[in-house]
Every structure is written in structure tokens, then in C-alpha cells.
Amino acid sequence: MNDDKIENRITNLILELLLDARENGIDLLSFEDVCTMLGVDDMSLLTELERDENYILNHEYLEKLKDPEIRKAMIESFRATKH
């Protein structure tokens, strides 16, 4: 699997986690929560900043991400911004 496919897969997994969290009534996720949900089992490499990072879920935004076309456009936007 090439780097682009891996990056897209990880981005999709994170979006799925955010949508699942929202649907289960969770309004706040820590960076550590996200790593754990993605299967990262060694948190020793996280910096102090990452350990203290929290994400407040924007319900309106996440609702829009349920639309596959909007999700695809958002992923393309993330990639364009990153590169």
C-alpha cells in the first residue's frame, strides 16, 4: 500500500471515529483517546503537548461529514493543505 492510500485510510478512520463518538454522545476526545482508538498501544512517544490536547466535537460539522461527497471533498482539502 503506498503512502497516499495509507494517509487516506487513516484520515477516513479518524473521521469515522469522530462520527461514532458524536453518535454515542461523546463531545470531547483527547489526542490519546484518538490514538488508542486507532490501535496505537505505545503512548510513551507522545509529547506533553499531545497528551494535553483535547478536541471538542463540532456536531454540525460532523453531521455534514456523513455525506460521502462532502467527506471526499474534506479529505482532499486536508491533503491539499498538508502538502
Protein backbone atom coordinates (compact mmCIF):
# COMPACT_ATOMS: atom_id res chain seq x y z
CA MET A 1 0.00 0.00 0.00
CA ASN A 2 1.50 3.37 -0.97
CA ASP A 3 1.75 6.41 1.30
CA ASP A 4 -1.27 8.19 -0.23
CA LYS A 5 -3.52 5.18 0.33
CA ILE A 6 -2.32 4.81 3.91
CA GLU A 7 -2.86 8.51 4.58
CA ASN A 8 -6.37 8.38 3.10
CA ARG A 9 -7.20 5.29 5.15
CA ILE A 10 -6.03 6.92 8.38
CA THR A 11 -7.97 10.11 7.60
CA ASN A 12 -11.12 8.09 6.93
CA LEU A 13 -10.65 6.13 10.16
CA ILE A 14 -10.29 9.33 12.18
CA LEU A 15 -13.44 10.77 10.58
CA GLU A 16 -15.31 7.54 11.36
CA LEU A 17 -14.13 7.72 14.98
CA LEU A 18 -15.35 11.29 15.29
CA LEU A 19 -18.73 10.39 13.80
CA ASP A 20 -19.05 7.35 16.07
CA ALA A 21 -18.12 9.40 19.12
CA ARG A 22 -20.73 12.00 18.26
CA GLU A 23 -23.41 9.35 17.75
CA ASN A 24 -22.55 7.92 21.17
CA GLY A 25 -22.93 11.27 22.91
CA ILE A 26 -19.22 12.00 23.33
CA ASP A 27 -18.43 15.70 23.00
CA LEU A 28 -14.71 15.68 23.81
CA LEU A 29 -11.86 13.41 22.73
CA SER A 30 -8.22 13.66 23.74
CA PHE A 31 -5.38 13.04 21.32
CA GLU A 32 -4.58 9.99 23.43
CA ASP A 33 -8.19 8.74 23.03
CA VAL A 34 -7.88 9.01 19.25
CA CYS A 35 -4.53 7.18 19.26
CA THR A 36 -5.96 4.41 21.43
CA MET A 37 -8.98 4.04 19.15
CA LEU A 38 -6.64 3.75 16.15
CA GLY A 39 -4.73 0.94 17.86
CA VAL A 40 -1.64 2.85 18.98
CA ASP A 41 -0.55 0.86 22.01
CA ASP A 42 2.64 2.71 22.96
CA MET A 43 1.83 6.16 24.30
CA SER A 44 5.37 6.72 25.57
CA LEU A 45 6.28 8.64 22.42
CA LEU A 46 3.55 11.26 22.86
CA THR A 47 4.81 14.69 23.73
CA GLU A 48 3.45 16.61 26.72
CA LEU A 49 1.54 18.84 24.31
CA GLU A 50 -0.09 15.84 22.62
CA ARG A 51 -1.05 14.34 25.99
CA ASP A 52 -2.83 17.58 26.93
CA GLU A 53 -4.52 18.04 23.52
CA ASN A 54 -8.32 17.76 23.51
CA TYR A 55 -10.81 18.02 20.68
CA ILE A 56 -14.30 19.40 21.17
CA LEU A 57 -16.54 17.78 18.61
CA ASN A 58 -18.47 20.13 16.35
CA HIS A 59 -21.79 18.33 15.90
CA GLU A 60 -22.92 20.39 12.89
CA TYR A 61 -19.63 19.73 11.09
CA LEU A 62 -19.73 16.01 11.85
CA GLU A 63 -23.31 15.76 10.64
CA LYS A 64 -22.21 17.17 7.26
CA LEU A 65 -19.41 14.58 7.06
CA LYS A 66 -21.98 11.80 6.82
CA ASP A 67 -22.43 12.80 3.17
CA PRO A 68 -19.84 10.81 1.15
CA GLU A 69 -19.26 13.66 -1.33
CA ILE A 70 -18.63 16.20 1.43
CA ARG A 71 -16.32 13.74 3.20
CA LYS A 72 -14.35 13.14 -0.01
CA ALA A 73 -14.02 16.90 -0.61
CA MET A 74 -12.93 17.43 3.01
CA ILE A 75 -10.23 14.74 2.74
CA GLU A 76 -8.96 16.28 -0.49
CA SER A 77 -8.89 19.67 1.25
CA PHE A 78 -6.93 18.21 4.20
CA ARG A 79 -4.39 16.71 1.83
CA ALA A 80 -4.05 19.92 -0.19
CA THR A 81 -3.47 21.92 2.98
CA LYS A 82 -0.93 19.42 4.33
CA HIS A 83 1.16 19.27 1.18
